[in-house]
N, C-alpha and C. Protein backbone atom coordinates (compact mmCIF):
# COMPACT_ATOMS: atom_id res chain seq x y z
N MET A 1 -8.93 -56.22 27.66
CA MET A 1 -8.82 -56.01 26.24
C MET A 1 -9.42 -54.66 25.84
N LYS A 2 -10.54 -54.28 26.49
CA LYS A 2 -11.17 -53.00 26.18
C LYS A 2 -10.23 -51.85 26.54
N LEU A 3 -9.51 -51.98 27.62
CA LEU A 3 -8.61 -50.93 28.06
C LEU A 3 -7.49 -50.71 27.05
N VAL A 4 -6.94 -51.76 26.50
CA VAL A 4 -5.88 -51.65 25.48
C VAL A 4 -6.45 -51.01 24.22
N SER A 5 -7.65 -51.37 23.84
CA SER A 5 -8.28 -50.79 22.65
C SER A 5 -8.52 -49.30 22.84
N LEU A 6 -8.98 -48.90 24.02
CA LEU A 6 -9.20 -47.48 24.30
C LEU A 6 -7.89 -46.70 24.28
N ALA A 7 -6.82 -47.27 24.82
CA ALA A 7 -5.53 -46.59 24.83
C ALA A 7 -5.01 -46.41 23.41
N ILE A 8 -5.15 -47.41 22.57
CA ILE A 8 -4.71 -47.33 21.17
C ILE A 8 -5.53 -46.28 20.43
N ALA A 9 -6.81 -46.25 20.66
CA ALA A 9 -7.69 -45.27 20.00
C ALA A 9 -7.33 -43.85 20.46
N ALA A 10 -7.03 -43.66 21.74
CA ALA A 10 -6.69 -42.34 22.25
C ALA A 10 -5.39 -41.84 21.62
N VAL A 11 -4.40 -42.72 21.48
CA VAL A 11 -3.14 -42.32 20.85
C VAL A 11 -3.38 -41.99 19.39
N ALA A 12 -4.17 -42.79 18.70
CA ALA A 12 -4.46 -42.55 17.28
C ALA A 12 -5.18 -41.23 17.07
N LEU A 13 -6.03 -40.83 18.01
CA LEU A 13 -6.77 -39.58 17.89
C LEU A 13 -5.99 -38.38 18.41
N GLY A 14 -4.79 -38.62 18.96
CA GLY A 14 -3.97 -37.51 19.42
C GLY A 14 -4.35 -37.00 20.80
N ALA A 15 -4.95 -37.83 21.61
CA ALA A 15 -5.35 -37.41 22.95
C ALA A 15 -4.13 -37.19 23.84
N PHE A 16 -3.05 -37.91 23.58
CA PHE A 16 -1.83 -37.75 24.35
C PHE A 16 -0.81 -37.03 23.49
N THR A 17 -0.33 -35.90 23.96
CA THR A 17 0.68 -35.14 23.22
C THR A 17 1.86 -34.85 24.12
N VAL A 18 3.00 -34.69 23.54
CA VAL A 18 4.20 -34.35 24.28
C VAL A 18 4.34 -32.83 24.22
N ALA A 19 4.52 -32.20 25.35
CA ALA A 19 4.65 -30.75 25.39
C ALA A 19 6.01 -30.35 24.84
N ASP A 20 6.02 -29.50 23.84
CA ASP A 20 7.24 -28.96 23.25
C ASP A 20 7.36 -27.50 23.68
N PRO A 21 8.39 -27.14 24.46
CA PRO A 21 8.48 -25.78 24.97
C PRO A 21 8.57 -24.71 23.87
N THR A 22 9.17 -25.05 22.72
CA THR A 22 9.26 -24.05 21.65
C THR A 22 7.90 -23.77 21.04
N ILE A 23 7.08 -24.80 20.90
CA ILE A 23 5.73 -24.61 20.37
C ILE A 23 4.90 -23.82 21.38
N ALA A 24 5.05 -24.14 22.67
CA ALA A 24 4.31 -23.43 23.70
C ALA A 24 4.69 -21.95 23.70
N ALA A 25 5.98 -21.64 23.52
CA ALA A 25 6.42 -20.25 23.50
C ALA A 25 5.82 -19.50 22.32
N GLN A 26 5.71 -20.17 21.18
CA GLN A 26 5.12 -19.54 20.00
C GLN A 26 3.65 -19.21 20.24
N HIS A 27 2.95 -20.08 20.95
CA HIS A 27 1.54 -19.84 21.21
C HIS A 27 1.33 -18.75 22.25
N ARG A 28 2.32 -18.52 23.13
CA ARG A 28 2.20 -17.47 24.12
C ARG A 28 2.36 -16.08 23.50
N ASN A 29 3.02 -15.98 22.36
CA ASN A 29 3.27 -14.68 21.74
C ASN A 29 2.71 -14.67 20.32
N PRO A 30 1.39 -14.56 20.16
CA PRO A 30 0.80 -14.62 18.82
C PRO A 30 1.10 -13.38 17.98
N ASN A 31 1.54 -12.28 18.60
CA ASN A 31 1.83 -11.05 17.86
C ASN A 31 3.30 -10.91 17.50
N GLN A 32 4.03 -11.99 17.53
CA GLN A 32 5.47 -11.95 17.32
C GLN A 32 5.86 -11.28 16.01
N SER A 33 5.16 -11.50 14.92
CA SER A 33 5.55 -10.94 13.64
C SER A 33 4.85 -9.61 13.34
N ARG A 34 4.02 -9.14 14.23
CA ARG A 34 3.33 -7.87 14.01
C ARG A 34 4.21 -6.71 14.46
N PRO A 35 4.12 -5.56 13.77
CA PRO A 35 4.91 -4.41 14.19
C PRO A 35 4.45 -3.88 15.55
N ALA A 36 5.39 -3.25 16.24
CA ALA A 36 5.08 -2.67 17.54
C ALA A 36 4.09 -1.53 17.38
N THR A 37 3.21 -1.38 18.35
CA THR A 37 2.23 -0.30 18.29
C THR A 37 2.57 0.84 19.23
N ASN A 38 3.65 0.73 19.98
CA ASN A 38 4.01 1.77 20.93
C ASN A 38 5.25 2.53 20.47
N GLN A 39 5.28 2.92 19.20
CA GLN A 39 6.42 3.62 18.65
C GLN A 39 6.46 5.06 19.16
N PRO A 40 7.68 5.63 19.22
CA PRO A 40 7.76 7.04 19.60
C PRO A 40 7.14 7.89 18.50
N ASN A 41 6.88 9.15 18.82
CA ASN A 41 6.31 10.08 17.85
C ASN A 41 7.37 10.35 16.78
N LEU A 42 7.21 9.76 15.60
CA LEU A 42 8.21 9.84 14.54
C LEU A 42 7.93 10.99 13.59
N PRO A 43 8.99 11.65 13.08
CA PRO A 43 8.77 12.68 12.06
C PRO A 43 8.26 12.03 10.78
N ASN A 44 7.47 12.77 10.02
CA ASN A 44 6.88 12.25 8.79
C ASN A 44 7.16 13.22 7.66
N PRO A 45 7.94 12.86 6.66
CA PRO A 45 8.50 11.53 6.38
C PRO A 45 9.65 11.19 7.33
N PHE A 46 9.86 9.90 7.50
CA PHE A 46 10.88 9.37 8.40
C PHE A 46 12.06 8.92 7.57
N ARG A 47 13.26 9.38 7.93
CA ARG A 47 14.47 9.06 7.17
C ARG A 47 15.42 8.24 8.03
N GLY A 48 16.08 7.27 7.39
CA GLY A 48 17.06 6.47 8.11
C GLY A 48 17.60 5.35 7.24
N THR A 49 18.12 4.32 7.91
CA THR A 49 18.65 3.16 7.19
C THR A 49 17.86 1.92 7.57
N VAL A 50 17.71 1.04 6.60
CA VAL A 50 16.94 -0.19 6.79
C VAL A 50 17.70 -1.11 7.75
N ASP A 51 16.99 -1.56 8.79
CA ASP A 51 17.54 -2.54 9.72
C ASP A 51 17.04 -3.93 9.38
N ASN A 52 15.78 -4.01 8.94
CA ASN A 52 15.17 -5.30 8.58
C ASN A 52 14.00 -5.02 7.65
N VAL A 53 13.78 -5.91 6.69
CA VAL A 53 12.64 -5.75 5.79
C VAL A 53 12.08 -7.12 5.45
N THR A 54 10.74 -7.20 5.47
CA THR A 54 10.01 -8.40 5.06
C THR A 54 8.97 -7.94 4.05
N PRO A 55 8.24 -8.84 3.43
CA PRO A 55 7.19 -8.39 2.52
C PRO A 55 6.10 -7.58 3.22
N ASN A 56 5.98 -7.70 4.56
CA ASN A 56 4.90 -7.04 5.29
C ASN A 56 5.31 -5.83 6.12
N ASN A 57 6.59 -5.71 6.47
CA ASN A 57 7.00 -4.55 7.25
C ASN A 57 8.47 -4.24 7.07
N MET A 58 8.82 -3.02 7.50
CA MET A 58 10.20 -2.55 7.40
C MET A 58 10.56 -1.85 8.71
N VAL A 59 11.73 -2.20 9.24
CA VAL A 59 12.25 -1.54 10.43
C VAL A 59 13.37 -0.61 9.96
N VAL A 60 13.24 0.67 10.35
CA VAL A 60 14.19 1.69 9.91
C VAL A 60 14.80 2.35 11.14
N ILE A 61 16.14 2.41 11.17
CA ILE A 61 16.84 3.13 12.23
C ILE A 61 16.94 4.57 11.78
N GLY A 62 16.35 5.47 12.54
CA GLY A 62 16.25 6.87 12.16
C GLY A 62 17.58 7.59 12.15
N GLU A 63 17.67 8.63 11.34
CA GLU A 63 18.87 9.46 11.26
C GLU A 63 19.17 10.11 12.61
N LYS A 64 18.12 10.43 13.35
CA LYS A 64 18.29 11.17 14.60
C LYS A 64 17.95 10.32 15.82
N GLY A 65 18.08 9.02 15.72
CA GLY A 65 17.95 8.19 16.91
C GLY A 65 16.85 7.16 16.95
N PRO A 66 15.55 7.55 16.89
CA PRO A 66 14.52 6.53 17.10
C PRO A 66 14.46 5.53 15.94
N THR A 67 13.88 4.40 16.24
CA THR A 67 13.66 3.37 15.23
C THR A 67 12.17 3.29 14.95
N GLY A 68 11.80 3.14 13.69
CA GLY A 68 10.40 3.04 13.31
C GLY A 68 10.12 1.72 12.61
N THR A 69 8.96 1.16 12.87
CA THR A 69 8.50 -0.05 12.19
C THR A 69 7.29 0.33 11.37
N PHE A 70 7.33 0.04 10.07
CA PHE A 70 6.29 0.46 9.15
C PHE A 70 5.67 -0.74 8.45
N VAL A 71 4.34 -0.74 8.37
CA VAL A 71 3.60 -1.80 7.70
C VAL A 71 3.62 -1.53 6.20
N ILE A 72 4.04 -2.53 5.44
CA ILE A 72 4.02 -2.44 3.97
C ILE A 72 2.72 -3.10 3.52
N GLN A 73 1.89 -2.32 2.83
CA GLN A 73 0.59 -2.81 2.35
C GLN A 73 0.63 -3.00 0.83
N ALA A 74 -0.45 -3.50 0.29
CA ALA A 74 -0.55 -3.68 -1.16
C ALA A 74 -0.41 -2.35 -1.90
N GLY A 75 -0.90 -1.26 -1.32
CA GLY A 75 -0.85 0.03 -1.99
C GLY A 75 0.39 0.85 -1.70
N THR A 76 1.34 0.32 -0.92
CA THR A 76 2.56 1.06 -0.61
C THR A 76 3.43 1.16 -1.85
N ARG A 77 3.81 2.41 -2.20
CA ARG A 77 4.71 2.63 -3.34
C ARG A 77 6.15 2.56 -2.83
N ILE A 78 6.95 1.70 -3.43
CA ILE A 78 8.37 1.60 -3.10
C ILE A 78 9.13 1.98 -4.36
N LEU A 79 9.96 3.03 -4.26
CA LEU A 79 10.64 3.57 -5.43
C LEU A 79 12.15 3.61 -5.23
N ARG A 80 12.88 3.27 -6.30
CA ARG A 80 14.32 3.45 -6.36
C ARG A 80 14.60 4.16 -7.68
N ASP A 81 15.24 5.31 -7.62
CA ASP A 81 15.51 6.13 -8.80
C ASP A 81 14.22 6.43 -9.57
N GLY A 82 13.13 6.63 -8.83
CA GLY A 82 11.84 6.97 -9.42
C GLY A 82 11.09 5.80 -10.03
N LYS A 83 11.65 4.59 -9.96
CA LYS A 83 11.01 3.41 -10.55
C LYS A 83 10.51 2.48 -9.45
N PRO A 84 9.33 1.89 -9.65
CA PRO A 84 8.77 0.99 -8.64
C PRO A 84 9.61 -0.28 -8.47
N ILE A 85 9.77 -0.70 -7.22
CA ILE A 85 10.44 -1.96 -6.91
C ILE A 85 9.62 -2.70 -5.86
N MET A 86 9.99 -3.93 -5.59
CA MET A 86 9.31 -4.74 -4.58
C MET A 86 10.09 -4.65 -3.25
N ALA A 87 9.43 -4.97 -2.15
CA ALA A 87 10.06 -4.93 -0.83
C ALA A 87 11.28 -5.85 -0.79
N GLY A 88 11.24 -6.94 -1.50
CA GLY A 88 12.37 -7.88 -1.54
C GLY A 88 13.60 -7.32 -2.22
N GLN A 89 13.47 -6.16 -2.88
CA GLN A 89 14.60 -5.53 -3.55
C GLN A 89 15.22 -4.42 -2.68
N VAL A 90 14.78 -4.32 -1.44
CA VAL A 90 15.32 -3.37 -0.49
C VAL A 90 16.17 -4.16 0.50
N PHE A 91 17.37 -3.64 0.81
CA PHE A 91 18.32 -4.41 1.62
C PHE A 91 18.75 -3.66 2.88
N LYS A 92 19.14 -4.43 3.87
CA LYS A 92 19.63 -3.88 5.13
C LYS A 92 20.76 -2.90 4.85
N GLY A 93 20.73 -1.75 5.54
CA GLY A 93 21.78 -0.76 5.39
C GLY A 93 21.50 0.32 4.36
N GLU A 94 20.46 0.14 3.54
CA GLU A 94 20.14 1.14 2.52
C GLU A 94 19.43 2.33 3.15
N ALA A 95 19.68 3.51 2.58
CA ALA A 95 19.00 4.72 3.03
C ALA A 95 17.58 4.73 2.50
N VAL A 96 16.62 5.12 3.35
CA VAL A 96 15.22 5.18 2.94
C VAL A 96 14.55 6.41 3.55
N GLN A 97 13.49 6.82 2.88
CA GLN A 97 12.58 7.84 3.41
C GLN A 97 11.19 7.25 3.33
N VAL A 98 10.50 7.20 4.46
CA VAL A 98 9.18 6.59 4.53
C VAL A 98 8.13 7.65 4.88
N SER A 99 7.15 7.82 3.99
CA SER A 99 5.98 8.65 4.28
C SER A 99 4.91 7.69 4.77
N PHE A 100 4.25 8.04 5.87
CA PHE A 100 3.34 7.07 6.49
C PHE A 100 2.13 7.74 7.10
N THR A 101 1.15 6.90 7.44
CA THR A 101 -0.05 7.32 8.14
C THR A 101 -0.17 6.45 9.38
N VAL A 102 -0.48 7.06 10.52
CA VAL A 102 -0.63 6.30 11.77
C VAL A 102 -2.11 6.00 11.98
N VAL A 103 -2.43 4.75 12.25
CA VAL A 103 -3.80 4.35 12.58
C VAL A 103 -4.02 4.70 14.05
N LYS A 104 -4.95 5.59 14.31
CA LYS A 104 -5.16 6.10 15.67
C LYS A 104 -5.55 5.01 16.65
N THR A 105 -6.36 4.04 16.22
CA THR A 105 -6.85 3.02 17.14
C THR A 105 -5.79 1.99 17.52
N THR A 106 -4.82 1.74 16.63
CA THR A 106 -3.82 0.72 16.91
C THR A 106 -2.41 1.27 17.07
N GLY A 107 -2.16 2.47 16.55
CA GLY A 107 -0.82 3.04 16.60
C GLY A 107 0.10 2.53 15.52
N LEU A 108 -0.40 1.68 14.63
CA LEU A 108 0.44 1.16 13.55
C LEU A 108 0.77 2.25 12.55
N ALA A 109 2.01 2.26 12.06
CA ALA A 109 2.45 3.19 11.04
C ALA A 109 2.37 2.50 9.69
N LEU A 110 1.41 2.92 8.85
CA LEU A 110 1.21 2.31 7.54
C LEU A 110 2.02 3.09 6.50
N ALA A 111 2.95 2.44 5.85
CA ALA A 111 3.79 3.10 4.85
C ALA A 111 2.97 3.42 3.61
N ASN A 112 2.99 4.69 3.20
CA ASN A 112 2.34 5.11 1.96
C ASN A 112 3.33 5.05 0.81
N GLU A 113 4.55 5.57 1.08
CA GLU A 113 5.59 5.61 0.05
C GLU A 113 6.94 5.43 0.71
N ILE A 114 7.79 4.62 0.08
CA ILE A 114 9.15 4.40 0.55
C ILE A 114 10.09 4.72 -0.59
N ILE A 115 10.97 5.69 -0.37
CA ILE A 115 11.98 6.05 -1.36
C ILE A 115 13.29 5.42 -0.89
N VAL A 116 13.95 4.67 -1.79
CA VAL A 116 15.16 3.94 -1.44
C VAL A 116 16.34 4.51 -2.21
N GLY A 117 17.49 4.60 -1.56
CA GLY A 117 18.71 5.03 -2.24
C GLY A 117 18.94 6.51 -2.13
N ASN A 118 19.03 7.18 -3.28
CA ASN A 118 19.26 8.63 -3.30
C ASN A 118 18.01 9.34 -2.82
N LEU A 119 18.08 9.90 -1.62
CA LEU A 119 16.90 10.53 -1.02
C LEU A 119 16.79 11.98 -1.44
N PRO A 120 15.57 12.48 -1.56
CA PRO A 120 15.38 13.90 -1.84
C PRO A 120 15.91 14.73 -0.67
N THR A 121 16.41 15.91 -0.98
CA THR A 121 16.90 16.79 0.06
C THR A 121 15.72 17.31 0.88
N PRO A 122 15.79 17.14 2.20
CA PRO A 122 14.68 17.63 3.02
C PRO A 122 14.64 19.15 2.99
N SER A 123 13.46 19.69 2.89
CA SER A 123 13.27 21.13 2.87
C SER A 123 12.73 21.57 4.22
N PRO A 124 13.36 22.57 4.86
CA PRO A 124 12.85 23.02 6.15
C PRO A 124 11.48 23.67 6.04
N ASP A 125 11.10 24.14 4.83
CA ASP A 125 9.81 24.79 4.63
C ASP A 125 8.72 23.80 4.25
N ALA A 126 9.09 22.54 3.99
CA ALA A 126 8.11 21.55 3.51
C ALA A 126 7.17 21.16 4.65
N PRO A 127 5.92 20.85 4.31
CA PRO A 127 5.00 20.38 5.35
C PRO A 127 5.47 19.03 5.89
N ALA A 128 4.97 18.64 7.06
CA ALA A 128 5.41 17.41 7.70
C ALA A 128 5.15 16.19 6.85
N ASN A 129 4.05 16.14 6.12
CA ASN A 129 3.73 14.98 5.30
C ASN A 129 3.74 15.42 3.85
N THR A 130 4.79 15.02 3.11
CA THR A 130 4.94 15.47 1.73
C THR A 130 4.32 14.51 0.72
N SER A 131 3.73 13.42 1.17
CA SER A 131 3.16 12.47 0.21
C SER A 131 1.65 12.56 0.21
N SER A 132 1.13 13.75 0.06
CA SER A 132 -0.32 13.94 0.11
C SER A 132 -1.01 13.47 -1.16
N GLY A 133 -0.22 13.23 -2.22
CA GLY A 133 -0.81 12.74 -3.45
C GLY A 133 -1.45 13.84 -4.27
N GLY A 134 -1.15 15.09 -3.96
CA GLY A 134 -1.72 16.21 -4.69
C GLY A 134 -1.19 16.28 -6.10
N LYS A 135 -1.92 17.01 -6.95
CA LYS A 135 -1.51 17.15 -8.34
C LYS A 135 -0.48 18.25 -8.47
N LYS A 136 0.48 18.04 -9.39
CA LYS A 136 1.49 19.05 -9.65
C LYS A 136 0.95 20.01 -10.70
N LYS A 137 1.32 21.28 -10.56
CA LYS A 137 0.89 22.28 -11.54
C LYS A 137 1.78 22.19 -12.77
N LYS A 138 1.17 22.37 -13.93
CA LYS A 138 1.92 22.37 -15.17
C LYS A 138 2.53 23.75 -15.37
N LYS A 139 3.76 23.75 -15.92
CA LYS A 139 4.42 25.01 -16.22
C LYS A 139 3.93 25.52 -17.56
N ASN A 140 3.74 26.82 -17.66
CA ASN A 140 3.36 27.44 -18.94
C ASN A 140 4.59 27.53 -19.81
N GLN A 141 4.43 27.14 -21.06
CA GLN A 141 5.58 27.17 -21.98
C GLN A 141 5.36 28.16 -23.08
């Protein structure tokens, strides 16, 4: 009788579980939803078309070949026609320009600003990172 009681108690406490291969696979890859940290050296700003977008990251296929994965943070500015939008308002296939900062210790590319749709014309004289946040000079009138 004690043996039956112990077996019932063990089942009730979850001591016996059935192995589910899909759950095991998920536990083997805890970084599945994190962006890759071994990205090629990407130009900044990075231009291309959206391949995938979530509230936390955006995958962009570059105009000149490489693909970049960018982390979208709370402070990331996402603009369409100069107006702020949310990441959920950006769709696969849209043209984007991403200005970003790379975290040296992890290699993650943190998006500072994402321009969607009509992109500014790239200037060959412009510095590599055009989203420095500097102040614009006022014109004398």
